Amino acid sequence: MAVVKTTPTMVSIPNHFCPGCGHGILNRLIAEVIEEKGYEKKTILTLGVGCSCNMNGSWNGDKIQTAHGRAASTATGVKVARPDLLSIAYQGDGDAYVIGLAETLNAAYRSEPITVFVINNNNFAMTGGQMSWTTMPGQVTTTSAHGRDTDLTGMPIRVPEIAASFSDVAYVARGSVHSAKEINRLKGYVRNAIEAQLSGEGYALVEVLCQCPTNWGMSVEKSIQWMEKEVVPYYELGELKGRRK
């Protein structure tokens, strides 16, 4: 019998992400796992400020738009008030790792029982493509017109590795949307991160490397090639801290 794959109800509204962006792929994977777990009506998504704000019009489920960088704190509040719900924070790298680094790391350090997804596209994409702490060495942005000078700004930050070093954290992984193989792997990371919360294991973080053709000034094909050559070798893919069995 043929298997008919339908669109998850939580992403049944068309999104407004730029062509070639990977946000929509991650949205779909999260929605599929939520639906598989039967949590469509028992999930609250906390949105950070950034391209994730587009989900206010396309995420067909309960959500909260929080202040810049404060998604982990808000998601923690949701879980405290309603421990029966699945509480997810959805952010970009500028929101989670620059504006909200303190909130992100403190939630991880305390192992708050929330699930955090962070799109890492190496720039502040929504506000014009400014340099982020994840911007690659030599990468041109609107605030690094001659390429990021790491002698002045330091090397790109790798927050998942920091979170994975905290003893009580339940799960940390980094995936990517630049190929079908990695998208399939990413769904497993998404599932593990959500199951870690549902099983009461503690904090879970999944970072997702994502191409940004619009702000990188590249075609979709070129942006994927650049990810494979420059981004993926620096940001190790895979599970950085597996779930406790």
C-alpha atoms as a PDB file:
ATOM      1  CA  MET A   1       0.000   0.000   0.000  1.00  0.00           C
ATOM      2  CA  ALA A   2       1.372   3.425  -0.943  1.00  0.00           C
ATOM      3  CA  VAL A   3       2.266   5.788   1.880  1.00  0.00           C
ATOM      4  CA  VAL A   4       0.724   9.234   1.450  1.00  0.00           C
ATOM      5  CA  LYS A   5       2.741  11.968   3.145  1.00  0.00           C
ATOM      6  CA  THR A   6       0.598  14.923   4.120  1.00  0.00           C
ATOM      7  CA  THR A   7       1.590  18.393   5.244  1.00  0.00           C
ATOM      8  CA  PRO A   8       1.640  18.678   9.062  1.00  0.00           C
ATOM      9  CA  THR A   9      -1.161  20.895  10.289  1.00  0.00           C
ATOM     10  CA  MET A  10       1.289  23.169  12.119  1.00  0.00           C
ATOM     11  CA  VAL A  11       2.944  24.257   8.847  1.00  0.00           C
ATOM     12  CA  SER A  12      -0.151  24.218   6.635  1.00  0.00           C
ATOM     13  CA  ILE A  13       0.032  28.012   6.119  1.00  0.00           C
ATOM     14  CA  PRO A  14       2.533  29.203   3.445  1.00  0.00           C
ATOM     15  CA  ASN A  15       5.665  30.814   4.912  1.00  0.00           C
ATOM     16  CA  HIS A  16       7.451  33.994   3.826  1.00  0.00           C
ATOM     17  CA  PHE A  17      11.090  32.989   4.162  1.00  0.00           C
ATOM     18  CA  CYS A  18      13.447  33.967   1.348  1.00  0.00           C
ATOM     19  CA  PRO A  19      13.924  31.524  -1.559  1.00  0.00           C
ATOM     20  CA  GLY A  20      16.629  29.002  -0.711  1.00  0.00           C
ATOM     21  CA  CYS A  21      16.443  29.620   3.049  1.00  0.00           C
ATOM     22  CA  GLY A  22      16.436  26.566   5.289  1.00  0.00           C
ATOM     23  CA  HIS A  23      14.059  27.878   7.972  1.00  0.00           C
ATOM     24  CA  GLY A  24      11.077  26.254   6.257  1.00  0.00           C
ATOM     25  CA  ILE A  25      12.790  22.861   6.283  1.00  0.00           C
ATOM     26  CA  LEU A  26      13.394  23.015  10.027  1.00  0.00           C
ATOM     27  CA  ASN A  27       9.821  24.232  10.589  1.00  0.00           C
ATOM     28  CA  ARG A  28       8.577  21.166   8.738  1.00  0.00           C
ATOM     29  CA  LEU A  29      10.774  18.729  10.678  1.00  0.00           C
ATOM     30  CA  ILE A  30       9.703  20.158  14.053  1.00  0.00           C
ATOM     31  CA  ALA A  31       6.054  20.019  13.007  1.00  0.00           C
ATOM     32  CA  GLU A  32       6.381  16.407  11.843  1.00  0.00           C
ATOM     33  CA  VAL A  33       7.866  15.276  15.155  1.00  0.00           C
ATOM     34  CA  ILE A  34       5.275  17.187  17.184  1.00  0.00           C
ATOM     35  CA  GLU A  35       2.535  15.537  15.145  1.00  0.00           C
ATOM     36  CA  GLU A  36       4.103  12.087  15.510  1.00  0.00           C
ATOM     37  CA  LYS A  37       4.067  12.600  19.285  1.00  0.00           C
ATOM     38  CA  GLY A  38       0.461  13.799  19.275  1.00  0.00           C
ATOM     39  CA  TYR A  39       1.360  17.196  20.722  1.00  0.00           C
ATOM     40  CA  GLU A  40      -0.209  19.502  18.117  1.00  0.00           C
ATOM     41  CA  LYS A  41      -2.542  20.963  20.742  1.00  0.00           C
ATOM     42  CA  LYS A  42      -0.061  20.740  23.625  1.00  0.00           C
ATOM     43  CA  THR A  43       2.886  22.769  22.321  1.00  0.00           C
ATOM     44  CA  ILE A  44       3.817  26.415  22.812  1.00  0.00           C
ATOM     45  CA  LEU A  45       6.507  27.792  20.512  1.00  0.00           C
ATOM     46  CA  THR A  46       8.446  30.812  21.789  1.00  0.00           C
ATOM     47  CA  LEU A  47       9.834  32.853  18.895  1.00  0.00           C
ATOM     48  CA  GLY A  48      12.955  34.959  19.166  1.00  0.00           C
ATOM     49  CA  VAL A  49      13.441  38.168  17.183  1.00  0.00           C
ATOM     50  CA  GLY A  50      14.834  37.617  13.711  1.00  0.00           C
ATOM     51  CA  CYS A  51      13.747  35.720  10.622  1.00  0.00           C
ATOM     52  CA  SER A  52      11.849  33.453  13.011  1.00  0.00           C
ATOM     53  CA  CYS A  53       9.338  36.313  13.357  1.00  0.00           C
ATOM     54  CA  ASN A  54       7.986  35.200   9.964  1.00  0.00           C
ATOM     55  CA  MET A  55       6.548  32.204  11.781  1.00  0.00           C
ATOM     56  CA  ASN A  56       4.003  34.486  13.437  1.00  0.00           C
ATOM     57  CA  GLY A  57       2.102  34.249  10.163  1.00  0.00           C
ATOM     58  CA  SER A  58       2.899  30.692   9.136  1.00  0.00           C
ATOM     59  CA  TRP A  59       3.146  28.534  12.273  1.00  0.00           C
ATOM     60  CA  ASN A  60      -0.317  27.076  12.707  1.00  0.00           C
ATOM     61  CA  GLY A  61      -0.041  26.424  16.425  1.00  0.00           C
ATOM     62  CA  ASP A  62       0.191  28.219  19.763  1.00  0.00           C
ATOM     63  CA  LYS A  63       3.131  30.614  19.929  1.00  0.00           C
ATOM     64  CA  ILE A  64       4.569  33.565  21.819  1.00  0.00           C
ATOM     65  CA  GLN A  65       6.658  36.362  20.327  1.00  0.00           C
ATOM     66  CA  THR A  66       9.208  37.351  22.932  1.00  0.00           C
ATOM     67  CA  ALA A  67      11.766  40.166  23.212  1.00  0.00           C
ATOM     68  CA  HIS A  68      15.114  40.012  21.434  1.00  0.00           C
ATOM     69  CA  GLY A  69      17.294  37.286  22.954  1.00  0.00           C
ATOM     70  CA  ARG A  70      14.818  36.246  25.630  1.00  0.00           C
ATOM     71  CA  ALA A  71      13.316  33.101  24.112  1.00  0.00           C
ATOM     72  CA  ALA A  72      14.969  30.667  26.538  1.00  0.00           C
ATOM     73  CA  SER A  73      13.728  32.676  29.525  1.00  0.00           C
ATOM     74  CA  THR A  74      10.201  32.893  28.133  1.00  0.00           C
ATOM     75  CA  ALA A  75      10.134  29.199  27.235  1.00  0.00           C
ATOM     76  CA  THR A  76      11.276  28.426  30.783  1.00  0.00           C
ATOM     77  CA  GLY A  77       8.381  30.495  32.128  1.00  0.00           C
ATOM     78  CA  VAL A  78       5.960  28.587  29.934  1.00  0.00           C
ATOM     79  CA  LYS A  79       7.267  25.272  31.282  1.00  0.00           C
ATOM     80  CA  VAL A  80       7.044  26.450  34.895  1.00  0.00           C
ATOM     81  CA  ALA A  81       3.452  27.620  34.421  1.00  0.00           C
ATOM     82  CA  ARG A  82       2.373  24.624  32.343  1.00  0.00           C
ATOM     83  CA  PRO A  83       4.678  21.636  32.902  1.00  0.00           C
ATOM     84  CA  ASP A  84       2.243  19.461  30.956  1.00  0.00           C
ATOM     85  CA  LEU A  85       2.990  21.312  27.722  1.00  0.00           C
ATOM     86  CA  LEU A  86       5.871  20.943  25.265  1.00  0.00           C
ATOM     87  CA  SER A  87       7.821  24.217  25.474  1.00  0.00           C
ATOM     88  CA  ILE A  88      10.053  25.023  22.499  1.00  0.00           C
ATOM     89  CA  ALA A  89      12.245  28.065  21.861  1.00  0.00           C
ATOM     90  CA  TYR A  90      13.003  28.856  18.203  1.00  0.00           C
ATOM     91  CA  GLN A  91      15.757  31.407  17.505  1.00  0.00           C
ATOM     92  CA  GLY A  92      18.466  32.583  15.155  1.00  0.00           C
ATOM     93  CA  ASP A  93      22.166  32.804  16.006  1.00  0.00           C
ATOM     94  CA  GLY A  94      22.090  36.583  16.485  1.00  0.00           C
ATOM     95  CA  ASP A  95      19.147  36.270  18.852  1.00  0.00           C
ATOM     96  CA  ALA A  96      20.329  33.246  20.861  1.00  0.00           C
ATOM     97  CA  TYR A  97      24.099  33.714  20.829  1.00  0.00           C
ATOM     98  CA  VAL A  98      24.655  37.494  20.733  1.00  0.00           C
ATOM     99  CA  ILE A  99      21.694  39.433  22.125  1.00  0.00           C
ATOM    100  CA  GLY A 100      20.565  36.512  24.295  1.00  0.00           C
ATOM    101  CA  LEU A 101      23.777  34.658  25.139  1.00  0.00           C
ATOM    102  CA  ALA A 102      23.216  35.003  28.900  1.00  0.00           C
ATOM    103  CA  GLU A 103      19.668  33.667  28.678  1.00  0.00           C
ATOM    104  CA  THR A 104      20.730  30.794  26.418  1.00  0.00           C
ATOM    105  CA  LEU A 105      23.640  29.649  28.578  1.00  0.00           C
ATOM    106  CA  ASN A 106      21.860  30.103  31.909  1.00  0.00           C
ATOM    107  CA  ALA A 107      18.923  27.972  30.744  1.00  0.00           C
ATOM    108  CA  ALA A 108      21.410  25.313  29.634  1.00  0.00           C
ATOM    109  CA  TYR A 109      23.474  25.556  32.832  1.00  0.00           C
ATOM    110  CA  ARG A 110      20.350  25.063  34.948  1.00  0.00           C
ATOM    111  CA  SER A 111      19.160  22.337  32.548  1.00  0.00           C
ATOM    112  CA  GLU A 112      15.734  23.879  32.273  1.00  0.00           C
ATOM    113  CA  PRO A 113      13.343  21.264  30.830  1.00  0.00           C
ATOM    114  CA  ILE A 114      12.876  23.048  27.502  1.00  0.00           C
ATOM    115  CA  THR A 115      13.861  22.352  23.894  1.00  0.00           C
ATOM    116  CA  VAL A 116      15.787  25.012  21.964  1.00  0.00           C
ATOM    117  CA  PHE A 117      16.311  25.170  18.200  1.00  0.00           C
ATOM    118  CA  VAL A 118      18.770  27.721  16.823  1.00  0.00           C
ATOM    119  CA  ILE A 119      19.196  28.491  13.125  1.00  0.00           C
ATOM    120  CA  ASN A 120      22.831  29.441  12.499  1.00  0.00           C
ATOM    121  CA  ASN A 121      23.108  31.308   9.189  1.00  0.00           C
ATOM    122  CA  ASN A 122      26.239  33.245  10.193  1.00  0.00           C
ATOM    123  CA  ASN A 123      24.637  36.704  10.247  1.00  0.00           C
ATOM    124  CA  PHE A 124      21.843  38.904  11.571  1.00  0.00           C
ATOM    125  CA  ALA A 125      19.647  38.045   8.602  1.00  0.00           C
ATOM    126  CA  MET A 126      16.411  39.895   9.353  1.00  0.00           C
ATOM    127  CA  THR A 127      17.992  43.289  10.049  1.00  0.00           C
ATOM    128  CA  GLY A 128      20.183  43.533   6.958  1.00  0.00           C
ATOM    129  CA  GLY A 129      22.897  40.899   7.148  1.00  0.00           C
ATOM    130  CA  GLN A 130      25.173  42.312   9.841  1.00  0.00           C
ATOM    131  CA  MET A 131      28.062  40.329  11.304  1.00  0.00           C
ATOM    132  CA  SER A 132      27.162  37.900  14.075  1.00  0.00           C
ATOM    133  CA  TRP A 133      29.438  36.084  16.514  1.00  0.00           C
ATOM    134  CA  THR A 134      28.969  33.065  14.229  1.00  0.00           C
ATOM    135  CA  THR A 135      30.136  34.881  11.054  1.00  0.00           C
ATOM    136  CA  MET A 136      32.979  33.000   9.366  1.00  0.00           C
ATOM    137  CA  PRO A 137      36.539  34.383   9.092  1.00  0.00           C
ATOM    138  CA  GLY A 138      36.769  36.599   6.026  1.00  0.00           C
ATOM    139  CA  GLN A 139      32.995  36.537   5.478  1.00  0.00           C
ATOM    140  CA  VAL A 140      31.608  39.746   4.006  1.00  0.00           C
ATOM    141  CA  THR A 141      28.586  41.231   5.766  1.00  0.00           C
ATOM    142  CA  THR A 142      27.085  44.708   5.921  1.00  0.00           C
ATOM    143  CA  THR A 143      29.230  45.445   8.991  1.00  0.00           C
ATOM    144  CA  SER A 144      32.343  43.586   7.780  1.00  0.00           C
ATOM    145  CA  ALA A 145      32.581  44.954   4.258  1.00  0.00           C
ATOM    146  CA  HIS A 146      36.153  43.697   3.811  1.00  0.00           C
ATOM    147  CA  GLY A 147      35.476  40.328   5.449  1.00  0.00           C
ATOM    148  CA  ARG A 148      35.468  39.412   9.121  1.00  0.00           C
ATOM    149  CA  ASP A 149      38.845  40.181  10.669  1.00  0.00           C
ATOM    150  CA  THR A 150      39.232  37.626  13.450  1.00  0.00           C
ATOM    151  CA  ASP A 151      42.295  39.458  14.813  1.00  0.00           C
ATOM    152  CA  LEU A 152      39.861  42.210  15.800  1.00  0.00           C
ATOM    153  CA  THR A 153      36.663  40.296  16.504  1.00  0.00           C
ATOM    154  CA  GLY A 154      37.804  36.821  17.555  1.00  0.00           C
ATOM    155  CA  MET A 155      36.837  33.492  16.033  1.00  0.00           C
ATOM    156  CA  PRO A 156      33.217  32.410  15.459  1.00  0.00           C
ATOM    157  CA  ILE A 157      31.532  31.233  18.638  1.00  0.00           C
ATOM    158  CA  ARG A 158      30.403  27.609  19.046  1.00  0.00           C
ATOM    159  CA  VAL A 159      27.688  27.718  21.697  1.00  0.00           C
ATOM    160  CA  PRO A 160      26.522  24.077  21.448  1.00  0.00           C
ATOM    161  CA  GLU A 161      29.985  22.948  22.511  1.00  0.00           C
ATOM    162  CA  ILE A 162      29.710  25.205  25.574  1.00  0.00           C
ATOM    163  CA  ALA A 163      26.255  23.866  26.425  1.00  0.00           C
ATOM    164  CA  ALA A 164      27.419  20.275  25.986  1.00  0.00           C
ATOM    165  CA  SER A 165      30.073  20.845  28.659  1.00  0.00           C
ATOM    166  CA  PHE A 166      27.423  21.425  31.343  1.00  0.00           C
ATOM    167  CA  SER A 167      26.944  18.217  33.280  1.00  0.00           C
ATOM    168  CA  ASP A 168      23.154  18.320  33.653  1.00  0.00           C
ATOM    169  CA  VAL A 169      22.268  19.141  30.034  1.00  0.00           C
ATOM    170  CA  ALA A 170      20.254  16.309  28.486  1.00  0.00           C
ATOM    171  CA  TYR A 171      20.991  16.596  24.766  1.00  0.00           C
ATOM    172  CA  VAL A 172      22.976  18.758  22.332  1.00  0.00           C
ATOM    173  CA  ALA A 173      23.357  18.309  18.584  1.00  0.00           C
ATOM    174  CA  ARG A 174      24.213  20.247  15.457  1.00  0.00           C
ATOM    175  CA  GLY A 175      22.619  19.487  12.124  1.00  0.00           C
ATOM    176  CA  SER A 176      22.347  21.116   8.722  1.00  0.00           C
ATOM    177  CA  VAL A 177      19.843  21.605   5.901  1.00  0.00           C
ATOM    178  CA  HIS A 178      22.337  21.804   3.030  1.00  0.00           C
ATOM    179  CA  SER A 179      21.738  18.256   1.754  1.00  0.00           C
ATOM    180  CA  ALA A 180      19.079  15.553   1.786  1.00  0.00           C
ATOM    181  CA  LYS A 181      21.355  13.284   3.830  1.00  0.00           C
ATOM    182  CA  GLU A 182      21.847  15.897   6.532  1.00  0.00           C
ATOM    183  CA  ILE A 183      18.148  16.810   6.563  1.00  0.00           C
ATOM    184  CA  ASN A 184      17.319  13.166   7.282  1.00  0.00           C
ATOM    185  CA  ARG A 185      19.880  13.119  10.104  1.00  0.00           C
ATOM    186  CA  LEU A 186      18.544  16.401  11.431  1.00  0.00           C
ATOM    187  CA  LYS A 187      15.084  14.952  11.922  1.00  0.00           C
ATOM    188  CA  GLY A 188      16.592  12.421  14.299  1.00  0.00           C
ATOM    189  CA  TYR A 189      18.206  15.218  16.293  1.00  0.00           C
ATOM    190  CA  VAL A 190      14.895  17.095  16.399  1.00  0.00           C
ATOM    191  CA  ARG A 191      13.138  13.974  17.634  1.00  0.00           C
ATOM    192  CA  ASN A 192      15.740  13.343  20.341  1.00  0.00           C
ATOM    193  CA  ALA A 193      15.562  16.950  21.555  1.00  0.00           C
ATOM    194  CA  ILE A 194      11.787  16.850  21.863  1.00  0.00           C
ATOM    195  CA  GLU A 195      11.753  13.393  23.447  1.00  0.00           C
ATOM    196  CA  ALA A 196      14.313  14.553  26.014  1.00  0.00           C
ATOM    197  CA  GLN A 197      11.787  17.098  27.258  1.00  0.00           C
ATOM    198  CA  LEU A 198       8.819  14.747  27.118  1.00  0.00           C
ATOM    199  CA  SER A 199      10.794  12.176  29.129  1.00  0.00           C
ATOM    200  CA  GLY A 200      11.771  14.721  31.779  1.00  0.00           C
ATOM    201  CA  GLU A 201      15.503  14.522  31.020  1.00  0.00           C
ATOM    202  CA  GLY A 202      16.229  18.254  30.990  1.00  0.00           C
ATOM    203  CA  TYR A 203      17.527  20.884  28.588  1.00  0.00           C
ATOM    204  CA  ALA A 204      18.061  20.107  24.900  1.00  0.00           C
ATOM    205  CA  LEU A 205      19.656  22.260  22.189  1.00  0.00           C
ATOM    206  CA  VAL A 206      19.845  21.640  18.453  1.00  0.00           C
ATOM    207  CA  GLU A 207      21.753  24.106  16.297  1.00  0.00           C
ATOM    208  CA  VAL A 208      20.942  24.002  12.587  1.00  0.00           C
ATOM    209  CA  LEU A 209      23.382  25.309   9.970  1.00  0.00           C
ATOM    210  CA  CYS A 210      21.385  27.092   7.311  1.00  0.00           C
ATOM    211  CA  GLN A 211      22.244  28.818   4.054  1.00  0.00           C
ATOM    212  CA  CYS A 212      21.207  32.468   3.632  1.00  0.00           C
ATOM    213  CA  PRO A 213      21.461  33.248  -0.106  1.00  0.00           C
ATOM    214  CA  THR A 214      19.870  36.691   0.263  1.00  0.00           C
ATOM    215  CA  ASN A 215      22.352  38.134   2.763  1.00  0.00           C
ATOM    216  CA  TRP A 216      25.333  36.106   1.576  1.00  0.00           C
ATOM    217  CA  GLY A 217      24.807  37.544  -1.920  1.00  0.00           C
ATOM    218  CA  MET A 218      24.931  34.109  -3.538  1.00  0.00           C
ATOM    219  CA  SER A 219      22.716  31.839  -5.575  1.00  0.00           C
ATOM    220  CA  VAL A 220      21.201  28.900  -3.727  1.00  0.00           C
ATOM    221  CA  GLU A 221      23.660  26.547  -5.432  1.00  0.00           C
ATOM    222  CA  LYS A 222      26.670  28.713  -4.529  1.00  0.00           C
ATOM    223  CA  SER A 223      25.488  29.135  -0.935  1.00  0.00           C
ATOM    224  CA  ILE A 224      25.236  25.368  -0.463  1.00  0.00           C
ATOM    225  CA  GLN A 225      28.715  24.919  -1.933  1.00  0.00           C
ATOM    226  CA  TRP A 226      30.058  27.584   0.429  1.00  0.00           C
ATOM    227  CA  MET A 227      28.434  25.853   3.383  1.00  0.00           C
ATOM    228  CA  GLU A 228      30.104  22.573   2.466  1.00  0.00           C
ATOM    229  CA  LYS A 229      33.503  24.184   1.949  1.00  0.00           C
ATOM    230  CA  GLU A 230      33.657  26.791   4.744  1.00  0.00           C
ATOM    231  CA  VAL A 231      30.877  26.439   7.319  1.00  0.00           C
ATOM    232  CA  VAL A 232      30.466  22.701   7.940  1.00  0.00           C
ATOM    233  CA  PRO A 233      34.202  22.012   8.510  1.00  0.00           C
ATOM    234  CA  TYR A 234      34.258  24.608  11.309  1.00  0.00           C
ATOM    235  CA  TYR A 235      30.919  23.710  12.915  1.00  0.00           C
ATOM    236  CA  GLU A 236      31.072  19.969  13.589  1.00  0.00           C
ATOM    237  CA  LEU A 237      27.884  18.115  12.706  1.00  0.00           C
ATOM    238  CA  GLY A 238      26.436  15.374  14.869  1.00  0.00           C
ATOM    239  CA  GLU A 239      25.435  14.735  18.455  1.00  0.00           C
ATOM    240  CA  LEU A 240      27.688  16.657  20.833  1.00  0.00           C
ATOM    241  CA  LYS A 241      26.014  15.196  23.903  1.00  0.00           C
ATOM    242  CA  GLY A 242      23.802  12.140  23.597  1.00  0.00           C
ATOM    243  CA  ARG A 243      20.786  11.424  25.737  1.00  0.00           C
ATOM    244  CA  ARG A 244      21.218   9.475  28.950  1.00  0.00           C
ATOM    245  CA  LYS A 245      19.964   5.916  28.421  1.00  0.00           C
END
